Amino acid sequence: MGYQGNFRVWRGDADGGGLEDFTVEVNEGEVVLDVIHRLQATQAGDLAVRWNCKAGKCGSCSAEINGRPRLLCMTRMSTFTEGETITITPMRTFPIIRDLVTDVSFNYTKAREIPSFKPPKGLAPGEYRMQQVDVERSQEFRKCIECFLCQDTCHVIRDHEENKEAFAGPRFLMRVAELEMHPLDEGGRVDAAQEQHGLGLCNITKCCSEVCPEHIKITDNALIPMKERVADRKYDPIVWLGNKIFRRQP
């Protein structure tokens, strides 16, 4: 059974804008993206929204619903009451292009700063061998759909524009951690994580894990282990002495 839902949707562009009120039909089983499409079809044909798969796998329809970073296509209308006013705004961390569409190019810039997988010298393709436990350890991080909700909610970049140059954000620190965990990678990621990608700025509030639609434990399984590696490398006297003696680069 359908009902008339109350929505407040941000309209505008880089020069400014504001919230506009709409009353839109809501049907049983729908998600927020369904309502946005109906709003486009019936009342606001020029409303800009980014989407693609409508299945929670492309990461395109990221926005903020009642102030919380979410995927529009994975947020069911049944989670709200019929009389509730639902506020839909663009991701706050990134520059607005128009309406619900933001410029997420910051994330692609950070992705290019991370060196790719570096296998051992002399190891030809087809000769890679890994234990299954090592495969499973990093497989969790491969589930990332790059919706950038973790980047959006991370207060290190959300509330401090000046940190963007020095901080890769949780999504790409997770990528560094994934490569560091790979038994065949010889990229030497530990120092880079701290000095180039800003791992030290992360204070493990776990807000990135809380908004991840793939339920990746970014903080517990990626960021904290990397912080431990950095601490061992820099402050553990035994590790420090071993590095001096054997010239190892863990």
Protein backbone atom coordinates (compact mmCIF):
# COMPACT_ATOMS: atom_id res chain seq x y z
CA MET A 1 0.00 0.00 0.00
CA GLY A 2 1.38 3.40 -0.97
CA TYR A 3 1.40 6.73 0.83
CA GLN A 4 2.49 10.32 0.24
CA GLY A 5 5.97 10.82 1.70
CA ASN A 6 7.58 14.08 2.71
CA PHE A 7 11.04 14.82 1.36
CA ARG A 8 13.53 17.65 1.57
CA VAL A 9 16.02 17.52 -1.28
CA TRP A 10 19.03 19.78 -1.76
CA ARG A 11 18.87 21.70 -5.04
CA GLY A 12 21.64 23.92 -6.36
CA ASP A 13 25.15 24.00 -7.73
CA ALA A 14 28.65 25.21 -6.87
CA ASP A 15 27.36 28.77 -6.57
CA GLY A 16 24.84 27.88 -3.87
CA GLY A 17 21.45 26.34 -3.24
CA GLY A 18 19.19 25.01 -0.53
CA LEU A 19 16.67 22.42 0.55
CA GLU A 20 13.33 22.18 -1.27
CA ASP A 21 10.26 20.37 0.05
CA PHE A 22 8.44 17.76 -2.02
CA THR A 23 5.57 15.34 -1.47
CA VAL A 24 6.15 12.14 -3.45
CA GLU A 25 4.29 8.86 -3.70
CA VAL A 26 6.00 5.96 -1.92
CA ASN A 27 5.08 2.34 -2.65
CA GLU A 28 5.73 -0.83 -0.69
CA GLY A 29 9.19 -2.35 -1.18
CA GLU A 30 10.81 0.76 -2.62
CA VAL A 31 14.19 2.29 -1.86
CA VAL A 32 15.08 5.99 -1.73
CA LEU A 33 16.43 5.92 -5.29
CA ASP A 34 12.99 4.80 -6.52
CA VAL A 35 11.48 7.88 -4.95
CA ILE A 36 14.15 10.13 -6.45
CA HIS A 37 13.38 8.70 -9.90
CA ARG A 38 9.65 9.34 -9.36
CA LEU A 39 10.45 12.88 -8.25
CA GLN A 40 12.42 13.40 -11.46
CA ALA A 41 9.58 11.99 -13.56
CA THR A 42 6.77 13.97 -11.96
CA GLN A 43 8.02 17.20 -10.37
CA ALA A 44 11.72 17.94 -10.88
CA GLY A 45 12.84 16.76 -14.30
CA ASP A 46 16.15 18.61 -14.02
CA LEU A 47 17.13 17.06 -10.67
CA ALA A 48 20.71 15.75 -10.98
CA VAL A 49 21.56 12.44 -9.33
CA ARG A 50 24.32 9.97 -10.10
CA TRP A 51 23.38 6.27 -10.29
CA ASN A 52 24.01 3.19 -12.39
CA CYS A 53 23.35 -0.38 -11.22
CA LYS A 54 20.61 0.13 -8.58
CA ALA A 55 21.96 -3.01 -6.91
CA GLY A 56 24.49 -1.68 -4.41
CA LYS A 57 27.50 -2.72 -6.49
CA CYS A 58 28.58 0.31 -8.51
CA GLY A 59 28.85 2.84 -5.68
CA SER A 60 27.44 5.64 -7.84
CA CYS A 61 24.40 6.82 -5.87
CA SER A 62 26.19 7.93 -2.73
CA ALA A 63 24.49 10.75 -0.84
CA GLU A 64 23.48 11.69 2.69
CA ILE A 65 20.07 10.69 4.02
CA ASN A 66 19.02 12.45 7.22
CA GLY A 67 22.66 13.42 7.63
CA ARG A 68 24.09 9.89 7.32
CA PRO A 69 26.20 8.83 4.31
CA ARG A 70 24.30 6.06 2.48
CA LEU A 71 23.65 4.53 -0.92
CA LEU A 72 20.29 5.71 -2.25
CA CYS A 73 19.64 2.32 -3.82
CA MET A 74 20.31 0.37 -0.61
CA THR A 75 18.27 2.51 1.79
CA ARG A 76 14.77 1.05 2.07
CA MET A 77 11.84 3.34 2.61
CA SER A 78 10.51 0.86 5.16
CA THR A 79 13.21 2.04 7.57
CA PHE A 80 11.37 5.38 7.90
CA THR A 81 7.92 6.13 9.28
CA GLU A 82 5.19 7.41 6.97
CA GLY A 83 5.00 10.78 8.68
CA GLU A 84 8.74 11.34 8.76
CA THR A 85 10.36 14.03 6.61
CA ILE A 86 13.37 12.51 4.83
CA THR A 87 16.22 14.89 4.01
CA ILE A 88 18.47 14.01 1.08
CA THR A 89 21.66 15.99 0.52
CA PRO A 90 24.89 15.51 -1.48
CA MET A 91 28.05 14.15 0.15
CA ARG A 92 29.36 17.01 2.24
CA THR A 93 33.07 16.28 1.93
CA PHE A 94 33.30 16.83 -1.82
CA PRO A 95 32.59 19.89 -4.00
CA ILE A 96 29.06 20.11 -5.38
CA ILE A 97 28.54 19.94 -9.11
CA ARG A 98 24.74 20.12 -9.11
CA ASP A 99 21.97 18.91 -6.80
CA LEU A 100 22.97 15.48 -5.44
CA VAL A 101 26.03 15.10 -7.68
CA THR A 102 29.46 15.86 -6.23
CA ASP A 103 32.97 16.04 -7.68
CA VAL A 104 34.78 12.96 -6.31
CA SER A 105 37.96 13.43 -8.38
CA PHE A 106 39.91 13.85 -5.11
CA ASN A 107 39.62 10.10 -4.65
CA TYR A 108 41.03 9.26 -8.06
CA THR A 109 43.95 11.59 -7.43
CA LYS A 110 44.71 9.70 -4.21
CA ALA A 111 44.37 6.35 -5.99
CA ARG A 112 47.06 7.34 -8.48
CA GLU A 113 49.46 8.20 -5.64
CA ILE A 114 49.59 4.58 -4.43
CA PRO A 115 52.22 2.46 -6.24
CA SER A 116 50.81 -0.72 -7.73
CA PHE A 117 51.58 -4.29 -6.69
CA LYS A 118 55.31 -5.03 -6.91
CA PRO A 119 56.14 -8.76 -7.22
CA PRO A 120 59.60 -10.17 -6.41
CA LYS A 121 62.23 -9.78 -9.11
CA GLY A 122 62.55 -12.78 -11.37
CA LEU A 123 59.09 -14.10 -10.52
CA ALA A 124 57.25 -14.60 -13.80
CA PRO A 125 53.47 -14.39 -14.24
CA GLY A 126 51.99 -17.79 -13.51
CA GLU A 127 54.59 -18.52 -10.84
CA TYR A 128 52.81 -16.61 -8.07
CA ARG A 129 52.01 -18.89 -5.13
CA MET A 130 50.09 -17.90 -2.00
CA GLN A 131 48.60 -19.69 0.96
CA GLN A 132 44.80 -19.65 1.06
CA VAL A 133 44.86 -17.86 4.41
CA ASP A 134 46.72 -14.96 2.75
CA VAL A 135 44.17 -14.85 -0.05
CA GLU A 136 41.29 -14.71 2.42
CA ARG A 137 42.94 -12.03 4.52
CA SER A 138 42.91 -9.44 1.74
CA GLN A 139 39.75 -10.65 0.01
CA GLU A 140 37.60 -8.60 2.37
CA PHE A 141 39.14 -5.38 1.06
CA ARG A 142 38.45 -6.42 -2.54
CA LYS A 143 34.74 -6.09 -1.83
CA CYS A 144 35.09 -2.29 -1.90
CA ILE A 145 32.76 -0.74 -4.50
CA GLU A 146 34.38 2.70 -4.20
CA CYS A 147 31.21 4.48 -3.18
CA PHE A 148 33.49 6.79 -1.16
CA LEU A 149 31.07 6.91 1.76
CA CYS A 150 33.99 6.15 4.07
CA GLN A 151 35.88 9.08 2.58
CA ASP A 152 32.80 11.27 3.00
CA THR A 153 32.26 10.46 6.67
CA CYS A 154 35.93 10.61 7.70
CA HIS A 155 36.18 13.79 9.75
CA VAL A 156 39.91 14.14 9.02
CA ILE A 157 39.02 15.31 5.51
CA ARG A 158 35.33 16.14 6.06
CA ASP A 159 36.02 18.87 8.60
CA HIS A 160 39.57 19.87 7.63
CA GLU A 161 40.05 20.85 4.01
CA GLU A 162 43.72 21.48 4.69
CA ASN A 163 44.28 17.76 5.36
CA LYS A 164 43.28 16.62 1.88
CA GLU A 165 46.72 17.07 0.38
CA ALA A 166 48.42 14.93 3.03
CA PHE A 167 45.72 12.36 3.82
CA ALA A 168 44.63 9.54 1.51
CA GLY A 169 41.53 8.66 3.52
CA PRO A 170 40.29 5.28 4.76
CA ARG A 171 39.54 3.82 1.33
CA PHE A 172 43.11 4.24 0.08
CA LEU A 173 44.84 3.54 3.38
CA MET A 174 42.93 0.26 3.18
CA ARG A 175 44.46 -0.28 -0.27
CA VAL A 176 47.93 0.35 1.15
CA ALA A 177 47.21 -2.14 3.95
CA GLU A 178 45.98 -4.73 1.45
CA LEU A 179 49.23 -4.50 -0.52
CA GLU A 180 51.31 -4.56 2.66
CA MET A 181 49.57 -7.79 3.71
CA HIS A 182 50.26 -9.44 0.35
CA PRO A 183 53.07 -11.99 0.85
CA LEU A 184 54.49 -11.36 -2.63
CA ASP A 185 54.45 -7.56 -2.58
CA GLU A 186 57.84 -5.91 -2.15
CA GLY A 187 56.65 -2.32 -2.32
CA GLY A 188 57.73 -1.31 1.20
CA ARG A 189 54.41 0.24 2.22
CA VAL A 190 54.95 0.92 5.94
CA ASP A 191 56.93 4.16 5.75
CA ALA A 192 54.82 5.44 2.85
CA ALA A 193 51.60 4.86 4.79
CA GLN A 194 52.79 7.17 7.55
CA GLU A 195 54.81 9.74 5.66
CA GLN A 196 53.05 10.04 2.30
CA HIS A 197 49.47 8.91 2.89
CA GLY A 198 48.87 10.38 6.35
CA LEU A 199 48.09 7.26 8.39
CA GLY A 200 49.03 9.12 11.58
CA LEU A 201 46.12 11.53 11.09
CA CYS A 202 43.61 8.70 11.49
CA ASN A 203 42.38 8.42 15.09
CA ILE A 204 40.39 5.19 14.54
CA THR A 205 36.89 6.46 15.35
CA LYS A 206 35.53 3.64 13.13
CA CYS A 207 33.05 5.95 11.41
CA CYS A 208 34.34 4.66 8.06
CA SER A 209 33.48 1.07 8.98
CA GLU A 210 30.03 2.09 10.21
CA VAL A 211 28.92 3.52 6.85
CA CYS A 212 30.51 0.88 4.57
CA PRO A 213 27.70 -0.79 2.55
CA GLU A 214 29.89 -3.89 2.08
CA HIS A 215 30.45 -4.15 5.86
CA ILE A 216 34.23 -4.09 5.47
CA LYS A 217 35.94 -3.71 8.84
CA ILE A 218 38.21 -0.97 7.55
CA THR A 219 39.47 0.18 10.94
CA ASP A 220 39.89 -3.16 12.70
CA ASN A 221 41.30 -5.19 9.82
CA ALA A 222 43.23 -2.62 7.79
CA LEU A 223 44.03 0.64 9.57
CA ILE A 224 44.86 -0.66 13.05
CA PRO A 225 47.19 -3.43 11.74
CA MET A 226 48.97 -0.81 9.62
CA LYS A 227 49.33 1.49 12.63
CA GLU A 228 50.83 -1.42 14.56
CA ARG A 229 53.34 -2.05 11.78
CA VAL A 230 54.32 1.62 11.77
CA ALA A 231 54.72 1.65 15.56
CA ASP A 232 56.86 -1.49 15.46
CA ARG A 233 59.03 -0.04 12.71
CA LYS A 234 59.57 3.31 14.40
CA TYR A 235 59.46 2.64 18.13
CA ASP A 236 60.14 -1.03 18.92
CA PRO A 237 63.84 -1.11 19.97
CA ILE A 238 64.29 -4.76 18.98
CA VAL A 239 62.86 -4.20 15.49
CA TRP A 240 64.95 -1.04 15.16
CA LEU A 241 68.12 -2.90 16.12
CA GLY A 242 67.31 -5.78 13.79
CA ASN A 243 66.84 -3.37 10.91
CA LYS A 244 70.19 -1.78 11.64
CA ILE A 245 72.00 -5.12 11.81
CA PHE A 246 70.36 -6.92 8.92
CA ARG A 247 69.36 -3.89 6.83
CA ARG A 248 65.90 -5.30 6.48
CA GLN A 249 63.06 -3.24 5.04
CA PRO A 250 59.83 -4.77 6.42
